[in-house]
Protein backbone atom coordinates (compact mmCIF):
# COMPACT_ATOMS: atom_id res chain seq x y z
CA MET A 1 55.20 118.14 131.37
CA ASN A 2 55.59 115.46 128.73
CA ASN A 3 57.46 112.80 130.70
CA SER A 4 57.57 110.32 127.86
CA SER A 5 61.19 109.20 127.45
CA VAL A 6 64.79 109.39 128.57
CA SER A 7 65.37 111.78 125.71
CA LEU A 8 64.43 114.49 128.18
CA ALA A 9 60.86 115.29 129.02
CA VAL A 10 60.08 118.59 127.38
CA SER A 11 56.83 120.33 128.11
CA SER A 12 54.61 121.43 125.26
CA SER A 13 54.48 124.89 126.74
CA SER A 14 58.29 125.10 126.76
CA GLN A 15 58.58 123.87 123.19
CA ALA A 16 56.06 126.46 122.09
CA GLN A 17 58.34 129.19 123.47
CA LEU A 18 60.92 128.46 120.79
CA SER A 19 60.73 131.01 118.02
CA SER A 20 61.34 130.01 114.42
CA VAL A 21 64.85 131.51 114.62
CA GLU A 22 65.64 129.61 117.82
CA ALA A 23 64.25 126.38 116.39
CA ALA A 24 66.40 126.85 113.27
CA PHE A 25 69.47 127.58 115.42
CA TRP A 26 69.04 124.50 117.59
CA GLY A 27 68.11 122.33 114.61
CA THR A 28 71.32 123.40 112.85
CA SER A 29 73.38 122.88 116.01
CA TYR A 30 72.01 119.36 116.47
CA GLY A 31 72.63 118.67 112.79
CA VAL A 32 76.29 119.66 113.14
CA VAL A 33 76.62 117.47 116.26
CA SER A 34 75.03 114.55 114.40
CA ILE A 35 77.54 114.88 111.55
CA LEU A 36 80.47 115.11 113.98
CA ILE A 37 79.25 112.03 115.86
CA ILE A 38 78.94 110.00 112.65
CA LEU A 39 82.35 111.11 111.28
CA THR A 40 84.39 110.65 114.46
CA ASN A 41 82.89 107.30 115.40
CA THR A 42 83.13 105.97 111.84
CA MET A 43 86.82 106.87 111.86
CA ALA A 44 87.16 105.15 115.23
CA LEU A 45 85.61 101.95 113.86
CA VAL A 46 87.88 102.09 110.79
CA ALA A 47 90.87 102.47 113.08
CA PHE A 48 89.70 99.50 115.13
CA VAL A 49 89.50 97.32 112.00
CA LYS A 50 92.94 98.44 110.86
CA THR A 51 94.60 97.66 114.21
CA ARG A 52 93.84 93.93 114.12
CA PRO A 53 97.48 92.79 114.51
CA ARG A 54 97.96 95.21 117.43
CA ARG A 55 94.48 94.98 118.92
CA LYS A 56 94.13 94.93 122.70
CA ASN A 57 91.18 93.73 124.73
CA THR A 58 90.36 97.28 125.80
CA HIS A 59 89.82 98.19 122.16
CA TYR A 60 86.70 96.02 122.06
CA PHE A 61 85.11 98.25 124.68
CA LEU A 62 85.98 101.31 122.60
CA MET A 63 84.52 99.66 119.49
CA ASN A 64 81.29 99.03 121.41
CA LEU A 65 81.31 102.64 122.59
CA SER A 66 81.69 103.86 119.00
CA ILE A 67 78.80 101.69 117.80
CA ALA A 68 76.52 103.01 120.54
CA ASP A 69 77.53 106.61 119.86
CA LEU A 70 77.10 106.09 116.13
CA LEU A 71 73.47 105.11 116.75
CA VAL A 72 73.04 108.30 118.74
CA GLY A 73 74.26 110.43 115.83
CA ALA A 74 72.48 108.49 113.09
CA ILE A 75 69.07 107.98 114.74
CA SER A 76 68.51 109.72 118.09
CA VAL A 77 69.73 113.20 117.18
CA PRO A 78 67.92 113.45 113.79
CA LEU A 79 64.65 112.33 115.39
CA PHE A 80 65.07 114.91 118.16
CA VAL A 81 65.50 117.57 115.46
CA VAL A 82 62.10 116.51 114.09
CA CYS A 83 60.69 117.18 117.56
CA LEU A 84 62.12 120.72 117.43
CA VAL A 85 61.15 121.76 113.91
CA ASP A 86 57.82 119.94 113.51
CA LEU A 87 56.09 119.72 116.86
CA GLU A 88 52.70 118.95 115.31
CA THR A 89 53.94 115.81 113.54
CA TRP A 90 55.84 114.79 116.65
CA GLY A 91 52.77 115.10 118.84
CA GLN A 92 50.49 113.18 116.47
CA SER A 93 52.85 110.28 115.69
CA LEU A 94 53.03 107.82 118.59
CA ALA A 95 55.21 105.48 116.50
CA LEU A 96 57.78 108.26 115.92
CA ARG A 97 57.99 109.02 119.63
CA ILE A 98 58.35 105.34 120.54
CA VAL A 99 61.12 104.79 117.95
CA HIS A 100 63.00 107.84 119.20
CA SER A 101 62.58 106.89 122.85
CA THR A 102 63.69 103.30 122.23
CA PHE A 103 66.85 104.19 120.29
CA ASP A 104 67.64 107.10 122.57
CA ILE A 105 67.53 104.88 125.64
CA LEU A 106 69.24 101.93 123.96
CA SER A 107 72.15 103.85 122.43
CA GLY A 108 72.51 106.42 125.21
CA LEU A 109 72.57 103.95 128.08
CA SER A 110 74.81 101.53 126.15
CA SER A 111 77.29 104.37 125.79
CA VAL A 112 77.02 105.27 129.48
CA PHE A 113 77.34 101.65 130.65
CA THR A 114 80.37 101.13 128.39
CA LEU A 115 82.06 104.23 129.81
CA ALA A 116 81.47 102.84 133.30
CA ILE A 117 82.95 99.45 132.34
CA VAL A 118 85.98 101.12 130.76
CA SER A 119 86.58 103.09 133.95
CA VAL A 120 86.43 99.91 136.06
CA GLU A 121 88.73 98.09 133.62
CA ARG A 122 91.26 100.92 133.81
CA LEU A 123 91.08 100.90 137.60
CA VAL A 124 91.82 97.16 137.66
CA ALA A 125 94.70 97.68 135.20
CA VAL A 126 96.29 100.29 137.45
CA SER A 127 95.57 98.61 140.79
CA ILE A 128 96.34 94.95 140.05
CA PRO A 129 98.20 94.88 136.71
CA TYR A 130 99.34 91.26 137.01
CA LYS A 131 95.83 89.87 137.49
CA PHE A 132 94.55 92.30 134.84
CA ARG A 133 96.74 90.69 132.17
CA MET A 134 95.19 87.30 132.95
CA ILE A 135 91.60 88.38 132.20
CA PRO A 136 90.39 86.32 129.18
CA ARG A 137 88.92 88.02 126.13
CA LYS A 138 85.54 86.34 126.62
CA VAL A 139 85.04 88.42 129.77
CA TYR A 140 85.16 91.54 127.59
CA PHE A 141 82.56 90.13 125.22
CA ILE A 142 80.31 89.22 128.15
CA CYS A 143 80.57 92.77 129.48
CA ILE A 144 79.73 94.19 126.04
CA ALA A 145 76.68 91.93 125.78
CA ALA A 146 75.63 93.02 129.27
CA THR A 147 75.63 96.71 128.29
CA TRP A 148 73.19 96.07 125.43
CA PHE A 149 71.06 93.67 127.48
CA LEU A 150 70.62 96.16 130.33
CA SER A 151 69.97 99.02 127.91
CA GLY A 152 67.43 96.88 126.08
CA CYS A 153 65.65 96.12 129.35
CA VAL A 154 65.35 99.83 130.18
CA ALA A 155 64.20 100.58 126.63
CA SER A 156 61.52 97.90 126.97
CA ILE A 157 60.31 99.53 130.17
CA GLY A 158 60.18 102.80 128.25
CA ILE A 159 57.91 101.25 125.63
CA ALA A 160 55.71 99.85 128.40
CA PHE A 161 55.56 103.36 129.87
CA TYR A 162 54.07 104.69 126.62
CA PHE A 163 51.27 102.15 126.85
CA ARG A 164 50.78 102.90 130.58
CA VAL A 165 51.76 99.39 131.63
CA VAL A 166 54.28 100.91 134.06
CA LYS A 167 54.33 104.37 135.59
CA GLU A 168 56.59 105.53 138.41
CA SER A 169 58.92 102.55 138.17
CA PHE A 170 60.12 103.84 134.79
CA TYR A 171 61.59 106.97 136.39
CA THR A 172 63.21 104.97 139.17
CA VAL A 173 64.91 102.65 136.67
CA VAL A 174 66.15 105.53 134.50
CA ILE A 175 67.47 107.53 137.45
CA LEU A 176 69.37 104.48 138.74
CA SER A 177 70.66 103.70 135.22
CA LEU A 178 72.20 107.17 135.03
CA SER A 179 73.24 107.63 138.68
CA LEU A 180 75.19 104.39 139.10
CA PRO A 181 77.43 104.80 136.01
CA LEU A 182 78.11 108.46 136.88
CA SER A 183 79.12 107.44 140.40
CA VAL A 184 81.25 104.51 139.17
CA VAL A 185 83.08 106.61 136.57
CA SER A 186 83.77 109.44 139.01
CA PHE A 187 85.01 107.11 141.74
CA ALA A 188 87.11 104.99 139.38
CA TYR A 189 88.93 107.86 137.70
CA VAL A 190 89.53 109.78 140.91
CA THR A 191 91.05 106.60 142.37
CA ILE A 192 93.15 106.06 139.24
CA VAL A 193 94.54 109.60 139.37
CA TYR A 194 95.37 109.13 143.06
CA LYS A 195 97.21 105.86 142.39
CA ILE A 196 99.09 107.36 139.44
CA ASN A 197 100.23 110.30 141.57
CA GLN A 198 101.47 107.85 144.19
CA LYS A 199 103.50 106.05 141.53
CA ASN A 200 104.87 109.36 140.25
CA ASN A 201 106.13 110.28 143.71
CA SER A 202 108.14 107.07 143.90
CA ALA A 203 109.15 106.83 140.23
CA LYS A 204 112.72 107.42 139.25
CA ASN A 205 112.31 107.15 135.48
CA CYS A 206 111.46 110.56 134.01
CA LYS A 207 109.97 108.95 130.91
CA ASN A 208 107.59 106.88 133.01
CA MET A 209 106.61 109.94 134.99
CA THR A 210 105.80 111.82 131.78
CA VAL A 211 103.65 108.96 130.48
CA GLU A 212 101.80 108.63 133.77
CA ARG A 213 101.23 112.38 133.99
CA ARG A 214 99.80 112.42 130.47
CA LEU A 215 97.49 109.55 131.40
CA SER A 216 96.29 111.33 134.53
CA ILE A 217 95.47 114.47 132.51
CA THR A 218 93.55 112.37 129.99
CA LEU A 219 91.56 110.70 132.75
CA LEU A 220 90.74 114.03 134.35
CA CYS A 221 89.47 115.27 130.98
CA VAL A 222 87.39 112.11 130.55
CA THR A 223 85.80 112.49 133.97
CA ALA A 224 85.09 116.20 133.54
CA ILE A 225 83.56 115.76 130.08
CA PHE A 226 81.40 112.83 131.16
CA VAL A 227 80.09 114.57 134.29
CA LEU A 228 79.47 117.90 132.55
CA SER A 229 77.69 116.17 129.66
CA TRP A 230 75.38 113.91 131.64
CA LEU A 231 74.89 115.42 135.10
CA PRO A 232 72.64 118.35 133.97
CA PHE A 233 70.52 115.87 132.00
CA GLN A 234 70.08 113.65 135.04
CA LEU A 235 69.29 116.55 137.36
CA ILE A 236 66.52 117.87 135.15
CA PHE A 237 65.14 114.36 134.70
CA ILE A 238 64.95 114.01 138.49
CA LEU A 239 63.20 117.38 138.75
CA VAL A 240 60.71 116.28 136.11
CA HIS A 241 59.92 113.23 138.23
CA PHE A 242 59.61 114.87 141.65
CA CYS A 243 58.27 118.29 140.64
CA LYS A 244 55.12 117.78 138.57
CA THR A 245 54.38 121.51 138.31
CA CYS A 246 57.89 122.60 137.28
CA THR A 247 58.43 124.06 133.83
CA PHE A 248 61.78 124.73 132.18
CA PRO A 249 62.84 127.31 129.58
CA ALA A 250 62.96 125.74 126.14
CA ASN A 251 66.47 127.04 125.39
CA MET A 252 67.80 125.57 128.67
CA VAL A 253 66.26 122.21 127.82
CA CYS A 254 67.77 122.29 124.32
CA PHE A 255 71.19 123.23 125.70
CA ILE A 256 71.17 120.40 128.25
CA LYS A 257 70.13 117.90 125.59
CA PHE A 258 72.84 119.34 123.31
CA LEU A 259 75.44 118.71 126.03
CA HIS A 260 74.54 115.08 126.52
CA TYR A 261 74.41 114.37 122.77
CA SER A 262 77.80 116.08 122.34
CA ASN A 263 79.33 113.48 124.63
CA SER A 264 78.93 110.94 121.81
CA PHE A 265 81.55 112.59 119.61
CA MET A 266 83.78 113.72 122.48
CA ASN A 267 84.08 110.08 123.51
CA ALA A 268 85.73 109.22 120.19
CA ALA A 269 88.00 112.26 120.37
CA VAL A 270 89.18 111.63 123.93
CA TYR A 271 89.37 107.84 123.97
CA THR A 272 90.07 106.71 120.43
CA PHE A 273 92.30 109.42 118.98
CA ARG A 274 94.61 109.41 121.98
CA ILE A 275 95.37 105.70 121.57
CA PRO A 276 98.70 105.31 119.72
CA GLU A 277 97.59 102.19 117.80
CA PHE A 278 94.45 103.89 116.53
CA LYS A 279 96.28 107.07 115.56
CA GLU A 280 98.88 105.07 113.64
CA ALA A 281 96.17 103.09 111.84
CA LEU A 282 94.38 106.27 110.75
CA ALA A 283 97.66 107.88 109.67
CA GLU A 284 98.53 104.81 107.59
CA LEU A 285 95.06 104.82 106.04
CA PHE A 286 95.18 108.48 105.02
CA ASN A 287 98.78 108.24 103.79
CA ARG A 288 97.84 105.25 101.63
CA LYS A 289 94.88 107.11 100.13
CA LEU A 290 97.09 110.13 99.49
CA SER A 291 99.75 107.99 97.83
CA GLN A 292 97.17 106.31 95.61
CA SER A 293 95.79 109.65 94.48
CA GLU A 294 99.23 111.16 93.82
CA GLY A 295 101.01 108.05 92.53
CA GLN A 296 99.49 107.93 89.08
CA HIS A 297 101.61 110.54 87.34
CA VAL A 298 101.54 109.09 83.86
CA LEU A 299 101.76 111.81 81.24
CA LEU A 300 99.57 110.77 78.34
CA GLN A 301 99.22 113.96 76.36
CA ASP A 302 102.40 113.81 74.30
CA PHE A 303 102.16 110.63 72.26
CA THR A 304 103.40 110.86 68.67
CA CYS A 305 102.50 108.44 65.90
CA ASP A 306 104.69 107.55 62.95
CA SER A 307 102.28 106.93 60.04
CA THR A 308 104.81 104.97 58.02
CA THR A 309 105.61 102.42 60.75
CA SER A 310 102.34 102.62 62.78
CA VAL A 311 104.40 102.83 65.98
CA THR A 312 103.46 105.17 68.81
CA ARG A 313 106.31 106.76 70.75
CA VAL A 314 106.19 107.97 74.36
CA THR A 315 107.95 111.31 74.66
CA HIS A 316 107.42 111.77 78.42
CA SER A 317 108.80 109.89 81.38
CA LEU A 318 106.71 107.70 83.66
CA VAL A 319 107.47 108.49 87.30
CA ASN A 320 105.92 107.55 90.59
CA SER A 321 104.93 109.81 93.47
CA ASN A 322 108.48 109.76 94.87
CA GLY A 323 109.93 111.10 91.62
CA THR A 324 111.66 107.83 90.69
CA MET A 325 111.83 107.28 86.93
CA LEU A 326 110.09 104.11 85.84
CA VAL A 327 110.38 104.48 82.03
CA SER A 328 113.01 106.68 80.39
CA PRO A 329 112.15 109.22 77.68
CA ASP A 330 114.17 107.31 75.06
CA VAL A 331 112.17 104.12 75.42
CA SER A 332 112.33 102.01 72.25
CA PRO A 333 109.32 101.84 69.90
CA LYS A 334 108.97 98.08 70.46
CA VAL A 335 108.77 98.42 74.27
CA SER A 336 106.44 101.40 73.97
CA GLY A 337 104.11 99.51 71.67
CA ARG A 338 103.84 96.58 74.08
CA MET A 339 103.23 98.94 76.97
CA LEU A 340 100.46 100.73 75.13
CA LYS A 341 98.86 97.46 74.11
CA GLY A 342 98.92 96.06 77.63
CA ARG A 343 98.11 99.21 79.57
CA PHE A 344 96.31 101.81 77.53
CA VAL A 345 94.36 100.04 74.74
């Protein structure tokens, strides 16, 4: 078993079991996931920039999550595809394996740590809302820096593992880095749902009950997606560590890796696109682009020129995208000439 990185130790014998058709299928599947990760998280970052007047502290965590997931889609997934389609190059290039391992650990664990911090932040917001509102913004920035620092430390241990500086301690660190966030997220969101249900039982406002119920459903989805995406990956990593003789079917390994990479675009879909401020920012952005593309309805094909006076006449109306007339068909030659000189010449 090639136990070389967090990107899932895949044995050479298992990789060899992939036929050319299966390798093409999984390569295409990972390619689609990579594109989805890049698109959804880019849109999330654009929405974050556009919501500056309405930005909340929680949004900084989601921005950090999008950056980490964007690295997964832009670097980790494409390099893993190289592992699938060109095993010979992968096996001969130590630098390629180290780069993939480093970015896979750095981006993957940053995403996982951020999800854990978001779950704790949400638990505090629900449990002690008054104290939650007093948390300064610098605390959020410190937490964000901590996610990258811890991920960088684990990635450094991974590099040391390649050069045989460390051995068993690498697996211990990785298992703890995955187990603790999974436990924290599960505990936090189960507690949040419990507290929300308690509030619903005592709430008299139907509107508040509807909002709280929607939030509880969202949190259940978040927990389920996170556990289903990462738990199989962690289980097989533990088996790789404790069972040196175990081998795994190549298609099962690819599917488990596919699940945990897919979490990087599901994060943006579940977190970002369910936030009203972000949805409004994206709607405004797309509506503005649409208006710009449809707002230039100047009809230029029917200009007539009087050769005796050298004056060009506009025979069509100039209207905007709303159908409002800006220049009437009977515009005078003098006004038309100035317009042409200033706008069209």
